[in-house]
Amino acid sequence: MPFYHFDLIDSRTVADEGGAELPDDIVAMDSADALARRLLGERPDLRNRDFSVLVTNDDGDEICRIPLDILH
């Protein structure tokens, strides 16, 4: 099963939010969306500050980037 890394970033990596073995890229993207929403719920001060949740695979390839500014 592939391993995915989740990081909170702005122009650099701010926080390593951990990683997980997940079945595929779609599940990783859904997990990133849920993580981004949870982060905003816990830290509303992150909104409008150009933060994103970046998902990469074990090879370092970017799977997706979820900007916190677009979430409602």
PDB file of N, CA and C in Angstrom:
ATOM      1  N   MET A   1       0.859  -1.170   0.000  1.00  0.00           N
ATOM      2  CA  MET A   1       0.000   0.000   0.000  1.00  0.00           C
ATOM      3  C   MET A   1       0.907   1.236   0.000  1.00  0.00           C
ATOM      4  N   PRO A   2       0.596   2.247  -0.838  1.00  0.00           N
ATOM      5  CA  PRO A   2       1.431   3.445  -0.912  1.00  0.00           C
ATOM      6  C   PRO A   2       1.405   4.257   0.392  1.00  0.00           C
ATOM      7  N   PHE A   3       2.513   4.954   0.653  1.00  0.00           N
ATOM      8  CA  PHE A   3       2.622   5.821   1.827  1.00  0.00           C
ATOM      9  C   PHE A   3       2.592   7.267   1.357  1.00  0.00           C
ATOM     10  N   TYR A   4       1.812   8.092   2.029  1.00  0.00           N
ATOM     11  CA  TYR A   4       1.659   9.502   1.686  1.00  0.00           C
ATOM     12  C   TYR A   4       2.079  10.376   2.861  1.00  0.00           C
ATOM     13  N   HIS A   5       2.702  11.506   2.541  1.00  0.00           N
ATOM     14  CA  HIS A   5       3.141  12.481   3.539  1.00  0.00           C
ATOM     15  C   HIS A   5       2.233  13.709   3.448  1.00  0.00           C
ATOM     16  N   PHE A   6       1.874  14.254   4.604  1.00  0.00           N
ATOM     17  CA  PHE A   6       1.009  15.426   4.686  1.00  0.00           C
ATOM     18  C   PHE A   6       1.757  16.529   5.419  1.00  0.00           C
ATOM     19  N   ASP A   7       1.943  17.685   4.753  1.00  0.00           N
ATOM     20  CA  ASP A   7       2.675  18.804   5.349  1.00  0.00           C
ATOM     21  C   ASP A   7       1.852  20.079   5.253  1.00  0.00           C
ATOM     22  N   LEU A   8       1.933  20.898   6.283  1.00  0.00           N
ATOM     23  CA  LEU A   8       1.361  22.238   6.256  1.00  0.00           C
ATOM     24  C   LEU A   8       2.458  23.150   5.731  1.00  0.00           C
ATOM     25  N   ILE A   9       2.171  23.854   4.645  1.00  0.00           N
ATOM     26  CA  ILE A   9       3.197  24.689   4.020  1.00  0.00           C
ATOM     27  C   ILE A   9       2.672  26.097   3.766  1.00  0.00           C
ATOM     28  N   ASP A  10       3.591  27.050   3.682  1.00  0.00           N
ATOM     29  CA  ASP A  10       3.322  28.339   3.054  1.00  0.00           C
ATOM     30  C   ASP A  10       4.394  28.421   1.963  1.00  0.00           C
ATOM     31  N   SER A  11       5.381  29.274   2.069  1.00  0.00           N
ATOM     32  CA  SER A  11       6.473  29.248   1.093  1.00  0.00           C
ATOM     33  C   SER A  11       7.516  28.199   1.469  1.00  0.00           C
ATOM     34  N   ARG A  12       7.346  27.577   2.633  1.00  0.00           N
ATOM     35  CA  ARG A  12       8.237  26.510   3.105  1.00  0.00           C
ATOM     36  C   ARG A  12       7.390  25.537   3.926  1.00  0.00           C
ATOM     37  N   THR A  13       7.975  24.418   4.289  1.00  0.00           N
ATOM     38  CA  THR A  13       7.259  23.475   5.138  1.00  0.00           C
ATOM     39  C   THR A  13       7.193  24.040   6.546  1.00  0.00           C
ATOM     40  N   VAL A  14       5.991  24.171   7.076  1.00  0.00           N
ATOM     41  CA  VAL A  14       5.786  24.724   8.402  1.00  0.00           C
ATOM     42  C   VAL A  14       5.646  23.612   9.425  1.00  0.00           C
ATOM     43  N   ALA A  15       4.889  22.587   9.094  1.00  0.00           N
ATOM     44  CA  ALA A  15       4.662  21.499  10.040  1.00  0.00           C
ATOM     45  C   ALA A  15       4.455  20.195   9.282  1.00  0.00           C
ATOM     46  N   ASP A  16       5.112  19.165   9.763  1.00  0.00           N
ATOM     47  CA  ASP A  16       4.900  17.825   9.243  1.00  0.00           C
ATOM     48  C   ASP A  16       3.691  17.274   9.978  1.00  0.00           C
ATOM     49  N   GLU A  17       2.605  17.072   9.244  1.00  0.00           N
ATOM     50  CA  GLU A  17       1.366  16.588   9.855  1.00  0.00           C
ATOM     51  C   GLU A  17       1.288  15.066   9.831  1.00  0.00           C
ATOM     52  N   GLY A  18       2.399  14.426   9.506  1.00  0.00           N
ATOM     53  CA  GLY A  18       2.442  12.973   9.556  1.00  0.00           C
ATOM     54  C   GLY A  18       2.246  12.339   8.192  1.00  0.00           C
ATOM     55  N   GLY A  19       2.085  11.053   8.222  1.00  0.00           N
ATOM     56  CA  GLY A  19       1.899  10.303   6.999  1.00  0.00           C
ATOM     57  C   GLY A  19       0.999   9.118   7.251  1.00  0.00           C
ATOM     58  N   ALA A  20       0.623   8.472   6.162  1.00  0.00           N
ATOM     59  CA  ALA A  20      -0.280   7.330   6.291  1.00  0.00           C
ATOM     60  C   ALA A  20      -0.169   6.439   5.066  1.00  0.00           C
ATOM     61  N   GLU A  21      -0.333   5.155   5.303  1.00  0.00           N
ATOM     62  CA  GLU A  21      -0.501   4.212   4.206  1.00  0.00           C
ATOM     63  C   GLU A  21      -1.962   4.263   3.791  1.00  0.00           C
ATOM     64  N   LEU A  22      -2.189   4.545   2.527  1.00  0.00           N
ATOM     65  CA  LEU A  22      -3.557   4.667   2.008  1.00  0.00           C
ATOM     66  C   LEU A  22      -3.651   3.907   0.686  1.00  0.00           C
ATOM     67  N   PRO A  23      -4.860   3.497   0.307  1.00  0.00           N
ATOM     68  CA  PRO A  23      -5.017   2.663  -0.889  1.00  0.00           C
ATOM     69  C   PRO A  23      -4.599   3.336  -2.195  1.00  0.00           C
ATOM     70  N   ASP A  24      -4.855   4.668  -2.329  1.00  0.00           N
ATOM     71  CA  ASP A  24      -4.559   5.322  -3.603  1.00  0.00           C
ATOM     72  C   ASP A  24      -4.564   6.841  -3.447  1.00  0.00           C
ATOM     73  N   ASP A  25      -4.252   7.530  -4.555  1.00  0.00           N
ATOM     74  CA  ASP A  25      -4.176   8.996  -4.560  1.00  0.00           C
ATOM     75  C   ASP A  25      -5.512   9.649  -4.205  1.00  0.00           C
ATOM     76  N   ILE A  26      -6.612   9.075  -4.632  1.00  0.00           N
ATOM     77  CA  ILE A  26      -7.932   9.670  -4.362  1.00  0.00           C
ATOM     78  C   ILE A  26      -8.195   9.699  -2.858  1.00  0.00           C
ATOM     79  N   VAL A  27      -7.895   8.616  -2.171  1.00  0.00           N
ATOM     80  CA  VAL A  27      -8.089   8.566  -0.717  1.00  0.00           C
ATOM     81  C   VAL A  27      -7.139   9.560  -0.048  1.00  0.00           C
ATOM     82  N   ALA A  28      -5.915   9.691  -0.568  1.00  0.00           N
ATOM     83  CA  ALA A  28      -4.964  10.664  -0.018  1.00  0.00           C
ATOM     84  C   ALA A  28      -5.493  12.087  -0.179  1.00  0.00           C
ATOM     85  N   MET A  29      -6.084  12.400  -1.333  1.00  0.00           N
ATOM     86  CA  MET A  29      -6.650  13.735  -1.550  1.00  0.00           C
ATOM     87  C   MET A  29      -7.827  13.992  -0.612  1.00  0.00           C
ATOM     88  N   ASP A  30      -8.682  13.003  -0.438  1.00  0.00           N
ATOM     89  CA  ASP A  30      -9.806  13.145   0.504  1.00  0.00           C
ATOM     90  C   ASP A  30      -9.299  13.346   1.931  1.00  0.00           C
ATOM     91  N   SER A  31      -8.244  12.636   2.291  1.00  0.00           N
ATOM     92  CA  SER A  31      -7.659  12.770   3.626  1.00  0.00           C
ATOM     93  C   SER A  31      -7.051  14.162   3.814  1.00  0.00           C
ATOM     94  N   ALA A  32      -6.424  14.693   2.766  1.00  0.00           N
ATOM     95  CA  ALA A  32      -5.850  16.048   2.830  1.00  0.00           C
ATOM     96  C   ALA A  32      -6.941  17.080   3.025  1.00  0.00           C
ATOM     97  N   ASP A  33      -8.061  16.915   2.339  1.00  0.00           N
ATOM     98  CA  ASP A  33      -9.186  17.838   2.491  1.00  0.00           C
ATOM     99  C   ASP A  33      -9.708  17.800   3.927  1.00  0.00           C
ATOM    100  N   ALA A  34      -9.855  16.614   4.472  1.00  0.00           N
ATOM    101  CA  ALA A  34     -10.336  16.480   5.853  1.00  0.00           C
ATOM    102  C   ALA A  34      -9.337  17.085   6.838  1.00  0.00           C
ATOM    103  N   LEU A  35      -8.048  16.873   6.603  1.00  0.00           N
ATOM    104  CA  LEU A  35      -7.019  17.441   7.464  1.00  0.00           C
ATOM    105  C   LEU A  35      -7.050  18.967   7.403  1.00  0.00           C
ATOM    106  N   ALA A  36      -7.173  19.517   6.199  1.00  0.00           N
ATOM    107  CA  ALA A  36      -7.220  20.972   6.039  1.00  0.00           C
ATOM    108  C   ALA A  36      -8.422  21.564   6.773  1.00  0.00           C
ATOM    109  N   ARG A  37      -9.565  20.925   6.662  1.00  0.00           N
ATOM    110  CA  ARG A  37     -10.756  21.407   7.364  1.00  0.00           C
ATOM    111  C   ARG A  37     -10.596  21.322   8.884  1.00  0.00           C
ATOM    112  N   ARG A  38      -9.981  20.240   9.349  1.00  0.00           N
ATOM    113  CA  ARG A  38      -9.735  20.099  10.786  1.00  0.00           C
ATOM    114  C   ARG A  38      -8.758  21.173  11.283  1.00  0.00           C
ATOM    115  N   LEU A  39      -7.701  21.429  10.504  1.00  0.00           N
ATOM    116  CA  LEU A  39      -6.747  22.468  10.883  1.00  0.00           C
ATOM    117  C   LEU A  39      -7.423  23.832  10.989  1.00  0.00           C
ATOM    118  N   LEU A  40      -8.277  24.152  10.017  1.00  0.00           N
ATOM    119  CA  LEU A  40      -8.987  25.436  10.068  1.00  0.00           C
ATOM    120  C   LEU A  40      -9.945  25.510  11.241  1.00  0.00           C
ATOM    121  N   GLY A  41     -10.563  24.395  11.589  1.00  0.00           N
ATOM    122  CA  GLY A  41     -11.450  24.377  12.743  1.00  0.00           C
ATOM    123  C   GLY A  41     -10.700  24.633  14.041  1.00  0.00           C
ATOM    124  N   GLU A  42      -9.490  24.077  14.127  1.00  0.00           N
ATOM    125  CA  GLU A  42      -8.678  24.241  15.330  1.00  0.00           C
ATOM    126  C   GLU A  42      -7.860  25.529  15.316  1.00  0.00           C
ATOM    127  N   ARG A  43      -7.495  25.996  14.119  1.00  0.00           N
ATOM    128  CA  ARG A  43      -6.638  27.171  13.984  1.00  0.00           C
ATOM    129  C   ARG A  43      -7.184  28.112  12.912  1.00  0.00           C
ATOM    130  N   PRO A  44      -8.301  28.801  13.186  1.00  0.00           N
ATOM    131  CA  PRO A  44      -8.873  29.695  12.178  1.00  0.00           C
ATOM    132  C   PRO A  44      -7.919  30.823  11.770  1.00  0.00           C
ATOM    133  N   ASP A  45      -6.915  31.089  12.581  1.00  0.00           N
ATOM    134  CA  ASP A  45      -5.931  32.123  12.251  1.00  0.00           C
ATOM    135  C   ASP A  45      -5.086  31.760  11.029  1.00  0.00           C
ATOM    136  N   LEU A  46      -5.132  30.508  10.575  1.00  0.00           N
ATOM    137  CA  LEU A  46      -4.377  30.101   9.394  1.00  0.00           C
ATOM    138  C   LEU A  46      -5.042  30.558   8.095  1.00  0.00           C
ATOM    139  N   ARG A  47      -6.309  30.912   8.151  1.00  0.00           N
ATOM    140  CA  ARG A  47      -7.029  31.360   6.952  1.00  0.00           C
ATOM    141  C   ARG A  47      -6.438  32.680   6.461  1.00  0.00           C
ATOM    142  N   ASN A  48      -6.429  32.862   5.143  1.00  0.00           N
ATOM    143  CA  ASN A  48      -5.963  34.089   4.487  1.00  0.00           C
ATOM    144  C   ASN A  48      -4.487  34.370   4.748  1.00  0.00           C
ATOM    145  N   ARG A  49      -3.708  33.313   4.939  1.00  0.00           N
ATOM    146  CA  ARG A  49      -2.269  33.482   5.157  1.00  0.00           C
ATOM    147  C   ARG A  49      -1.451  32.584   4.219  1.00  0.00           C
ATOM    148  N   ASP A  50      -2.062  32.166   3.115  1.00  0.00           N
ATOM    149  CA  ASP A  50      -1.377  31.386   2.077  1.00  0.00           C
ATOM    150  C   ASP A  50      -0.855  30.031   2.549  1.00  0.00           C
ATOM    151  N   PHE A  51      -1.557  29.399   3.480  1.00  0.00           N
ATOM    152  CA  PHE A  51      -1.189  28.060   3.907  1.00  0.00           C
ATOM    153  C   PHE A  51      -1.918  27.025   3.060  1.00  0.00           C
ATOM    154  N   SER A  52      -1.260  25.889   2.866  1.00  0.00           N
ATOM    155  CA  SER A  52      -1.836  24.758   2.140  1.00  0.00           C
ATOM    156  C   SER A  52      -1.421  23.472   2.828  1.00  0.00           C
ATOM    157  N   VAL A  53      -2.206  22.430   2.593  1.00  0.00           N
ATOM    158  CA  VAL A  53      -1.795  21.083   2.963  1.00  0.00           C
ATOM    159  C   VAL A  53      -1.247  20.449   1.689  1.00  0.00           C
ATOM    160  N   LEU A  54       0.002  20.043   1.747  1.00  0.00           N
ATOM    161  CA  LEU A  54       0.677  19.415   0.617  1.00  0.00           C
ATOM    162  C   LEU A  54       0.763  17.922   0.859  1.00  0.00           C
ATOM    163  N   VAL A  55       0.369  17.154  -0.140  1.00  0.00           N
ATOM    164  CA  VAL A  55       0.455  15.689  -0.062  1.00  0.00           C
ATOM    165  C   VAL A  55       1.484  15.231  -1.090  1.00  0.00           C
ATOM    166  N   THR A  56       2.448  14.446  -0.627  1.00  0.00           N
ATOM    167  CA  THR A  56       3.432  13.846  -1.518  1.00  0.00           C
ATOM    168  C   THR A  56       3.473  12.346  -1.268  1.00  0.00           C
ATOM    169  N   ASN A  57       3.933  11.621  -2.279  1.00  0.00           N
ATOM    170  CA  ASN A  57       4.093  10.177  -2.095  1.00  0.00           C
ATOM    171  C   ASN A  57       5.511   9.895  -1.622  1.00  0.00           C
ATOM    172  N   ASP A  58       5.848   8.641  -1.430  1.00  0.00           N
ATOM    173  CA  ASP A  58       7.167   8.272  -0.914  1.00  0.00           C
ATOM    174  C   ASP A  58       8.297   8.643  -1.866  1.00  0.00           C
ATOM    175  N   ASP A  59       7.979   8.841  -3.147  1.00  0.00           N
ATOM    176  CA  ASP A  59       8.994   9.262  -4.119  1.00  0.00           C
ATOM    177  C   ASP A  59       9.184  10.776  -4.121  1.00  0.00           C
ATOM    178  N   GLY A  60       8.364  11.500  -3.336  1.00  0.00           N
ATOM    179  CA  GLY A  60       8.445  12.959  -3.289  1.00  0.00           C
ATOM    180  C   GLY A  60       7.597  13.652  -4.336  1.00  0.00           C
ATOM    181  N   ASP A  61       6.818  12.878  -5.097  1.00  0.00           N
ATOM    182  CA  ASP A  61       5.941  13.473  -6.112  1.00  0.00           C
ATOM    183  C   ASP A  61       4.745  14.133  -5.440  1.00  0.00           C
ATOM    184  N   GLU A  62       4.406  15.340  -5.888  1.00  0.00           N
ATOM    185  CA  GLU A  62       3.231  16.026  -5.350  1.00  0.00           C
ATOM    186  C   GLU A  62       1.966  15.349  -5.862  1.00  0.00           C
ATOM    187  N   ILE A  63       1.091  14.991  -4.929  1.00  0.00           N
ATOM    188  CA  ILE A  63      -0.192  14.382  -5.274  1.00  0.00           C
ATOM    189  C   ILE A  63      -1.262  15.455  -5.347  1.00  0.00           C
ATOM    190  N   CYS A  64      -1.273  16.337  -4.347  1.00  0.00           N
ATOM    191  CA  CYS A  64      -2.206  17.458  -4.372  1.00  0.00           C
ATOM    192  C   CYS A  64      -1.763  18.506  -3.368  1.00  0.00           C
ATOM    193  N   ARG A  65      -2.380  19.672  -3.503  1.00  0.00           N
ATOM    194  CA  ARG A  65      -2.143  20.792  -2.606  1.00  0.00           C
ATOM    195  C   ARG A  65      -3.509  21.401  -2.327  1.00  0.00           C
ATOM    196  N   ILE A  66      -3.903  21.456  -1.061  1.00  0.00           N
ATOM    197  CA  ILE A  66      -5.209  21.990  -0.673  1.00  0.00           C
ATOM    198  C   ILE A  66      -4.990  23.348   0.004  1.00  0.00           C
ATOM    199  N   PRO A  67      -5.243  24.463  -0.705  1.00  0.00           N
ATOM    200  CA  PRO A  67      -5.094  25.779  -0.081  1.00  0.00           C
ATOM    201  C   PRO A  67      -6.164  25.987   0.985  1.00  0.00           C
ATOM    202  N   LEU A  68      -5.756  26.406   2.163  1.00  0.00           N
ATOM    203  CA  LEU A  68      -6.734  26.625   3.244  1.00  0.00           C
ATOM    204  C   LEU A  68      -7.667  27.779   2.929  1.00  0.00           C
ATOM    205  N   ASP A  69      -7.235  28.711   2.080  1.00  0.00           N
ATOM    206  CA  ASP A  69      -8.057  29.882   1.769  1.00  0.00           C
ATOM    207  C   ASP A  69      -9.323  29.542   0.994  1.00  0.00           C
ATOM    208  N   ILE A  70      -9.361  28.410   0.305  1.00  0.00           N
ATOM    209  CA  ILE A  70     -10.535  28.107  -0.518  1.00  0.00           C
ATOM    210  C   ILE A  70     -11.597  27.322   0.211  1.00  0.00           C
ATOM    211  N   LEU A  71     -11.277  26.865   1.425  1.00  0.00           N
ATOM    212  CA  LEU A  71     -12.238  26.056   2.177  1.00  0.00           C
ATOM    213  C   LEU A  71     -13.239  26.945   2.904  1.00  0.00           C
ATOM    214  N   HIS A  72     -14.466  26.461   3.000  1.00  0.00           N
ATOM    215  CA  HIS A  72     -15.515  27.212   3.710  1.00  0.00           C
ATOM    216  C   HIS A  72     -15.940  26.467   4.938  1.00  0.00           C
TER     217      HIS A  72
END
